[in-house]
Protein backbone atom coordinates (compact mmCIF):
# COMPACT_ATOMS: atom_id res chain seq x y z
CA MET A 1 126.95 88.59 65.91
CA MET A 2 129.12 90.36 67.86
CA HIS A 3 127.89 92.82 70.33
CA GLN A 4 128.81 95.81 71.85
CA ALA A 5 127.31 95.17 75.18
CA TRP A 6 125.20 92.70 76.63
CA VAL A 7 124.00 91.35 79.88
CA GLU A 8 124.89 87.99 81.35
CA VAL A 9 122.60 85.92 83.55
CA ASP A 10 123.51 82.79 85.71
CA LEU A 11 120.27 81.20 86.04
CA GLY A 12 122.30 78.26 88.44
CA ALA A 13 123.06 81.32 90.69
CA ILE A 14 118.74 82.62 90.56
CA GLN A 15 118.38 78.50 91.78
CA ARG A 16 120.64 78.52 94.36
CA ASN A 17 119.16 81.79 95.53
CA LEU A 18 115.97 80.49 95.60
CA ALA A 19 116.94 77.21 97.46
CA THR A 20 118.64 79.51 100.48
CA LEU A 21 115.47 81.26 100.73
CA ARG A 22 113.54 78.14 100.78
CA GLU A 23 115.79 77.12 103.70
CA ILE A 24 115.11 80.23 105.22
CA SER A 25 111.15 80.30 104.85
CA GLY A 26 110.85 76.72 106.08
CA PRO A 27 109.08 73.50 104.74
CA VAL A 28 105.48 75.06 105.16
CA THR A 29 105.97 78.61 103.48
CA GLN A 30 105.50 78.40 99.71
CA ILE A 31 107.67 80.66 97.23
CA ALA A 32 106.25 82.90 94.57
CA PRO A 33 109.25 84.15 93.03
CA VAL A 34 109.00 87.72 91.59
CA VAL A 35 109.45 88.08 88.23
CA LYS A 36 107.86 91.45 87.00
CA ALA A 37 109.59 94.34 84.91
CA ASN A 38 111.52 91.59 82.98
CA ALA A 39 112.61 89.91 86.34
CA TYR A 40 114.02 92.75 87.32
CA GLY A 41 116.31 93.38 84.30
CA HIS A 42 117.44 89.58 84.10
CA GLY A 43 114.73 88.34 81.63
CA GLN A 44 111.42 87.37 82.37
CA VAL A 45 110.65 84.02 80.50
CA GLU A 46 114.21 82.51 81.24
CA VAL A 47 113.97 83.47 84.79
CA ALA A 48 110.61 81.93 85.21
CA ARG A 49 111.46 78.74 83.29
CA ALA A 50 114.51 77.96 85.74
CA VAL A 51 112.49 78.79 88.63
CA HIS A 52 108.98 76.95 87.51
CA GLY A 53 108.89 73.74 88.98
CA GLN A 54 111.68 74.28 91.82
CA PRO A 55 110.96 72.71 95.02
CA GLY A 56 108.69 74.73 96.89
CA VAL A 57 107.71 76.93 94.28
CA TRP A 58 103.81 77.72 94.53
CA GLY A 59 104.01 80.02 91.01
CA LEU A 60 105.08 83.03 89.83
CA ALA A 61 104.22 86.46 91.06
CA VAL A 62 104.02 89.59 88.34
CA ALA A 63 102.66 92.79 88.44
CA ARG A 64 100.55 93.36 85.06
CA GLY A 65 98.16 91.46 83.08
CA GLU A 66 100.37 91.73 80.18
CA GLU A 67 103.46 90.04 81.84
CA ALA A 68 101.20 87.11 83.04
CA LEU A 69 99.71 86.68 79.47
CA ALA A 70 103.19 86.99 77.54
CA LEU A 71 104.25 84.43 79.98
CA ARG A 72 101.44 81.99 78.98
CA ALA A 73 102.08 82.70 75.32
CA GLU A 74 105.64 81.46 75.83
CA GLY A 75 104.41 78.16 77.49
CA ILE A 76 105.00 78.99 80.90
CA ALA A 77 102.66 76.89 83.02
CA GLY A 78 101.30 76.97 86.69
CA ARG A 79 100.28 79.64 88.81
CA ILE A 80 100.72 83.04 87.85
CA LEU A 81 99.68 86.09 90.17
CA THR A 82 99.30 89.68 89.35
CA LEU A 83 99.98 91.57 92.37
CA GLY A 84 99.07 95.30 90.41
CA PRO A 85 95.88 96.62 89.62
CA PRO A 86 93.64 94.56 87.21
CA PRO A 87 93.51 95.81 83.77
CA ALA A 88 90.32 97.21 82.31
CA SER A 89 89.65 94.90 79.81
CA GLU A 90 91.94 91.80 79.98
CA ALA A 91 89.82 89.70 82.34
CA ALA A 92 88.38 87.61 79.75
CA SER A 93 92.14 86.61 78.53
CA LEU A 94 93.50 86.28 81.90
CA ALA A 95 90.67 83.69 83.04
CA ARG A 96 91.02 81.75 79.72
CA ASP A 97 94.84 81.74 80.70
CA GLY A 98 94.34 80.67 84.53
CA ILE A 99 95.76 83.77 86.27
CA THR A 100 94.90 84.40 89.24
CA VAL A 101 94.42 88.38 89.61
CA GLY A 102 94.68 90.92 92.46
CA LEU A 103 91.95 92.96 93.43
CA GLY A 104 92.39 95.86 95.62
CA SER A 105 89.06 97.50 96.07
CA GLU A 106 85.26 97.20 95.17
CA GLY A 107 85.50 98.75 91.99
CA ASP A 108 88.00 96.27 90.88
CA LEU A 109 85.76 93.57 91.95
CA ARG A 110 82.84 95.18 89.80
CA SER A 111 85.16 95.79 86.68
CA VAL A 112 86.53 92.24 86.63
CA ALA A 113 82.70 90.71 87.59
CA ALA A 114 81.15 92.94 84.66
CA GLN A 115 83.63 91.63 82.32
CA LEU A 116 82.70 87.99 82.85
CA ALA A 117 79.20 88.80 83.20
CA ASN A 118 77.68 87.14 79.75
CA SER A 119 80.64 84.25 79.79
CA ASP A 120 81.15 80.87 81.40
CA LEU A 121 84.80 82.31 82.67
CA THR A 122 85.81 82.29 86.21
CA ILE A 123 88.59 84.06 87.62
CA ASP A 124 90.34 83.12 90.80
CA VAL A 125 91.36 86.35 92.37
CA HIS A 126 93.59 87.82 95.77
CA LEU A 127 92.13 90.20 97.81
CA LYS A 128 94.94 93.04 98.51
CA ILE A 129 94.57 94.62 101.78
CA ASN A 130 95.75 97.84 102.60
CA THR A 131 97.45 97.75 106.06
CA GLY A 132 99.92 100.76 105.85
CA MET A 133 101.18 101.27 102.31
CA CYS A 134 98.30 103.37 101.35
CA ARG A 135 98.48 102.46 97.81
CA MET A 136 96.29 99.95 96.52
CA GLY A 137 94.31 97.67 98.78
CA VAL A 138 90.55 97.36 100.48
CA GLU A 139 90.56 98.87 104.01
CA VAL A 140 90.80 96.62 106.77
CA GLY A 141 87.25 97.28 108.05
CA GLU A 142 86.05 96.71 104.70
CA VAL A 143 87.57 93.19 103.92
CA ALA A 144 84.58 91.05 105.22
CA GLY A 145 82.13 92.87 103.58
CA LEU A 146 84.19 92.42 100.01
CA ALA A 147 84.95 88.73 100.62
CA GLU A 148 81.14 88.05 100.89
CA GLN A 149 80.58 89.46 97.72
CA MET A 150 83.08 87.05 96.21
CA HIS A 151 80.86 84.16 97.22
CA ARG A 152 78.59 84.38 94.18
CA GLY A 153 79.35 85.24 90.52
CA PRO A 154 82.36 84.73 88.33
CA VAL A 155 84.68 85.81 91.00
CA ARG A 156 86.50 83.59 93.22
CA LEU A 157 88.40 84.48 96.60
CA THR A 158 91.56 82.28 96.84
CA GLY A 159 93.83 84.22 98.48
CA VAL A 160 94.73 87.36 100.60
CA TYR A 161 97.75 89.55 100.90
CA SER A 162 99.23 92.63 101.68
CA HIS A 163 103.13 94.54 101.35
CA PHE A 164 105.30 95.88 103.49
CA ALA A 165 106.22 99.64 103.53
CA THR A 166 109.48 99.71 105.74
CA ALA A 167 110.62 96.02 105.96
CA GLU A 168 114.04 96.70 104.57
CA SER A 169 114.77 99.57 106.65
CA ALA A 170 115.35 100.74 110.28
CA ASP A 171 111.42 101.15 111.03
CA LEU A 172 110.58 97.68 111.52
CA PRO A 173 107.80 98.87 114.16
CA PHE A 174 105.88 99.99 111.27
CA ALA A 175 106.29 96.85 109.70
CA ARG A 176 104.81 95.00 112.78
CA GLU A 177 101.86 97.35 112.88
CA GLN A 178 101.36 96.48 109.20
CA LEU A 179 101.52 92.78 110.22
CA ALA A 180 99.04 93.02 113.40
CA ASN A 181 96.48 95.09 110.93
CA PHE A 182 96.94 92.06 108.33
CA ARG A 183 95.78 89.43 111.26
CA ARG A 184 92.97 91.80 112.08
CA ALA A 185 92.02 91.31 108.59
CA LEU A 186 92.57 87.72 108.30
CA ALA A 187 90.25 87.21 111.52
CA ALA A 188 87.36 88.82 109.63
CA LEU A 189 87.81 86.43 107.00
CA PRO A 190 85.58 83.45 107.25
CA HIS A 191 87.51 81.50 104.22
CA GLU A 192 90.32 79.28 106.41
CA ALA A 193 91.70 77.99 102.95
CA LEU A 194 93.11 81.39 101.67
CA VAL A 195 96.56 81.74 100.64
CA ARG A 196 97.66 84.04 102.85
CA HIS A 197 100.83 86.30 102.06
CA THR A 198 102.64 89.68 102.54
CA ALA A 199 106.47 89.10 103.03
CA ASN A 200 108.76 90.72 100.42
CA SER A 201 112.26 89.91 100.40
CA ALA A 202 113.10 91.71 103.06
CA GLY A 203 110.01 90.73 104.85
CA LEU A 204 110.86 87.10 104.00
CA VAL A 205 114.64 87.52 105.93
CA ARG A 206 113.59 89.57 108.65
CA LEU A 207 109.95 88.87 109.74
CA PRO A 208 109.62 85.21 110.48
CA GLU A 209 106.36 85.59 111.82
CA ALA A 210 105.20 87.15 108.52
CA ARG A 211 106.04 84.04 106.12
CA PHE A 212 102.09 82.79 106.31
CA ASP A 213 101.52 80.71 103.27
CA LEU A 214 103.59 82.19 100.95
CA VAL A 215 106.47 84.42 100.48
CA ARG A 216 107.30 86.93 97.55
CA PRO A 217 110.91 87.41 97.03
CA GLY A 218 112.15 89.92 94.18
CA ALA A 219 115.27 91.96 94.40
CA ILE A 220 116.79 89.04 96.77
CA LEU A 221 116.04 86.16 94.54
CA TYR A 222 118.52 87.98 92.30
CA GLY A 223 121.40 88.26 94.89
CA VAL A 224 120.37 91.82 95.58
CA ASN A 225 119.94 93.65 98.60
CA PRO A 226 117.02 95.33 98.69
CA GLY A 227 117.85 97.77 101.59
CA MET A 228 118.44 96.10 104.36
CA PRO A 229 121.06 96.00 106.94
CA GLU A 230 124.14 94.10 105.03
CA ALA A 231 124.29 92.14 108.07
CA GLU A 232 121.15 90.58 107.70
CA MET A 233 121.57 89.27 104.12
CA PRO A 234 121.41 85.54 103.69
CA ALA A 235 124.06 84.32 101.17
CA VAL A 236 122.83 85.20 98.00
CA GLU A 237 124.78 85.28 94.97
CA PRO A 238 124.37 88.45 92.25
CA ALA A 239 123.24 86.81 89.22
CA LEU A 240 123.80 89.38 86.41
CA ARG A 241 126.97 91.10 84.96
CA LEU A 242 126.91 93.94 82.57
CA VAL A 243 129.83 93.66 80.07
CA SER A 244 131.14 95.58 77.13
CA ARG A 245 134.25 96.07 75.37
CA ILE A 246 136.86 99.14 74.58
CA ALA A 247 135.66 100.85 71.61
CA GLU A 248 138.38 103.26 71.17
CA VAL A 249 141.49 104.72 73.14
CA LYS A 250 142.77 108.17 73.07
CA THR A 251 145.72 110.39 74.96
CA LEU A 252 144.48 113.49 75.57
CA PRO A 253 147.38 116.86 76.45
CA PRO A 254 146.34 118.86 79.82
CA GLY A 255 143.52 121.24 78.93
CA CYS A 256 141.33 118.88 76.87
CA THR A 257 137.83 118.64 78.01
CA VAL A 258 135.79 115.47 77.24
CA GLY A 259 132.20 115.13 75.96
CA TYR A 260 128.81 117.01 76.38
CA GLY A 261 129.01 120.08 78.53
CA ARG A 262 132.87 120.11 78.75
CA ARG A 263 132.31 118.51 82.31
CA TYR A 264 135.52 117.04 82.94
CA ARG A 265 138.93 118.73 82.13
CA VAL A 266 141.99 116.52 81.73
CA GLU A 267 144.76 117.89 84.28
CA ARG A 268 147.66 116.02 82.99
CA ASP A 269 148.65 113.38 80.15
CA SER A 270 145.60 111.38 80.29
CA THR A 271 144.63 107.98 78.44
CA ILE A 272 140.61 107.99 78.12
CA ALA A 273 138.68 104.78 76.51
CA LEU A 274 135.46 105.12 75.10
CA VAL A 275 133.15 102.44 76.09
CA PRO A 276 129.74 101.88 74.06
CA VAL A 277 127.13 101.82 76.92
CA GLY A 278 124.98 104.66 77.75
CA TYR A 279 122.10 106.01 79.30
CA GLY A 280 120.04 104.12 76.14
CA ASP A 281 121.09 101.10 77.94
CA GLY A 282 120.05 101.72 81.05
CA TYR A 283 123.01 103.19 82.65
CA PRO A 284 122.30 105.68 85.02
CA PRO A 285 123.33 109.33 84.07
CA ALA A 286 123.78 109.95 87.79
CA LEU A 287 127.26 107.96 87.53
CA SER A 288 128.68 110.97 85.67
CA GLY A 289 132.16 111.25 87.16
CA VAL A 290 131.51 108.72 90.16
CA GLY A 291 131.12 105.45 88.42
CA ASP A 292 133.76 102.78 88.29
CA VAL A 293 134.21 100.01 85.66
CA LEU A 294 136.64 97.01 85.73
CA ILE A 295 139.38 96.62 82.81
CA GLY A 296 141.44 93.97 83.36
CA GLY A 297 140.56 93.55 86.88
CA ARG A 298 141.05 97.23 87.94
CA ARG A 299 138.97 99.86 88.71
CA ALA A 300 138.83 102.91 86.63
CA ARG A 301 136.42 106.16 86.66
CA VAL A 302 133.69 107.38 84.57
CA VAL A 303 134.90 110.62 83.36
CA GLY A 304 132.48 113.45 81.70
CA ALA A 305 128.85 112.91 80.95
CA VAL A 306 127.21 109.58 80.38
CA ASN A 307 125.90 109.42 76.56
CA MET A 308 123.18 107.53 75.29
CA ASP A 309 125.08 105.61 73.69
CA SER A 310 128.74 105.51 75.47
CA ILE A 311 130.57 106.36 78.39
CA THR A 312 134.20 107.36 78.52
CA VAL A 313 136.77 106.42 81.36
CA ASP A 314 139.99 107.32 82.80
CA VAL A 315 142.46 104.69 82.01
CA THR A 316 145.73 106.44 82.65
CA GLY A 317 146.70 103.92 85.31
CA LEU A 318 145.97 101.32 83.62
CA PRO A 319 148.97 100.18 81.07
CA GLY A 320 148.51 98.37 77.93
CA VAL A 321 144.76 99.26 77.53
CA ARG A 322 143.47 98.82 73.91
CA PRO A 323 140.50 98.35 72.04
CA GLY A 324 138.85 95.40 72.16
CA ASP A 325 139.74 94.40 75.91
CA GLU A 326 136.50 93.73 78.17
CA VAL A 327 135.04 95.98 80.62
CA VAL A 328 132.71 95.13 83.26
CA LEU A 329 130.31 97.73 84.18
CA ILE A 330 128.39 95.48 87.10
CA GLY A 331 129.45 92.07 88.18
CA ARG A 332 132.91 90.66 89.09
CA GLN A 333 136.33 90.79 87.04
CA GLY A 334 139.15 89.13 88.33
CA ASP A 335 139.35 90.03 92.11
CA GLU A 336 137.22 93.06 91.74
CA ARG A 337 133.65 93.66 91.99
CA VAL A 338 131.32 96.12 91.11
CA SER A 339 128.33 95.59 92.66
CA VAL A 340 124.49 96.69 92.14
CA GLU A 341 124.46 98.30 95.49
CA GLU A 342 127.70 100.53 94.94
CA LEU A 343 126.39 101.94 91.67
CA ALA A 344 122.84 102.57 93.22
CA GLN A 345 124.62 104.51 96.59
CA ARG A 346 126.81 106.53 93.94
CA ALA A 347 123.98 107.15 91.37
CA GLY A 348 121.34 108.16 94.54
CA THR A 349 118.56 105.60 93.97
CA ILE A 350 117.62 101.88 95.25
CA PRO A 351 119.27 98.81 94.04
CA HIS A 352 116.60 97.17 92.41
CA GLU A 353 116.46 100.21 89.82
CA ILE A 354 120.00 99.61 88.76
CA PRO A 355 119.32 95.94 86.78
CA THR A 356 115.66 96.57 86.04
CA ARG A 357 116.25 99.71 83.89
CA LEU A 358 119.05 97.49 81.73
CA GLY A 359 117.19 98.08 78.48
CA PRO A 360 116.43 95.90 75.53
CA ARG A 361 119.11 96.72 73.50
CA LEU A 362 121.34 94.89 75.69
CA PRO A 363 120.90 91.19 74.34
CA ARG A 364 120.84 88.87 77.64
CA ILE A 365 123.24 85.69 77.50
CA TYR A 366 122.30 83.00 79.82
CA HIS A 367 124.16 79.89 81.26
CA GLY A 368 123.80 78.01 84.58
CA GLY A 369 121.01 76.25 85.74
CA GLU A 370 118.85 73.13 85.86
CA SER A 371 115.69 71.93 84.75
């Protein structure tokens, strides 16, 4: 089948990135690759298979129960941890599939325990601590009491975790305050065997003292800078390309306007190419008039509005452009590269969002990787 646009994912790059992060985190600390949100747009099942069983991997981390169950349905074995709030009615399914659930409140505990009360099922949980993020998480002073309730009943406390709010930014002092709060919570817990983890991508790299037993790389696993200083980024490889082909080429005289809202007016004899990728595929509308694509290894500017199904590109300075030519919207072509970080900066968003929003209409094509 001929696709108008597609995503290419290099599983080998993800495995190499994992090995690089393993070298940084050290031989004692294990890794829980974060494959939530369709593995940041890269394909949850395929990425899970590529990283599962690799050296140093403790298990996989997802956000939601349904993500964990979907992995089990595809035959993904081993540990899976849900980091987000537990579902209202899936505790039994998660327990049967051996999923470890993150809990962040006494209400969470009561809900899960009640769902399992009339069964012989038990479930492992990791207790989320609010150290300063102020979203999900039990307060530091309440940790010991809540942990004590997990000595009995169907809920078994096997880990404790938190999450940094500023590990990628200039506000590392706040991250260290969070780390101090986490240590205070750990001191109140009687269980020495608990798995302890708090470091995300930036925390893994920038806060060696926060690596504990486990780290949870997300964006950086896929070669995406989560927002930390470029000089501190380890040598990871981008794993994704967004590719299309020119559908149509038009030559327009001065004065013509292009696309919805007449947002772009041609000032000279111009050649405009139609590329069948739009916001319906997850290409950000905020890149209207400011995004670049690559054609023949050279940059061309997106002009006019990003539509649901297409963009228009000024190729006046690129001789010989014709329908069928490859267009790279994210990734490398020849000596040029359009990075996720560049597009995020131009679109006024964070780098994580760019690959994550790439939709299911774009087929994923995989290459590389070793089992």
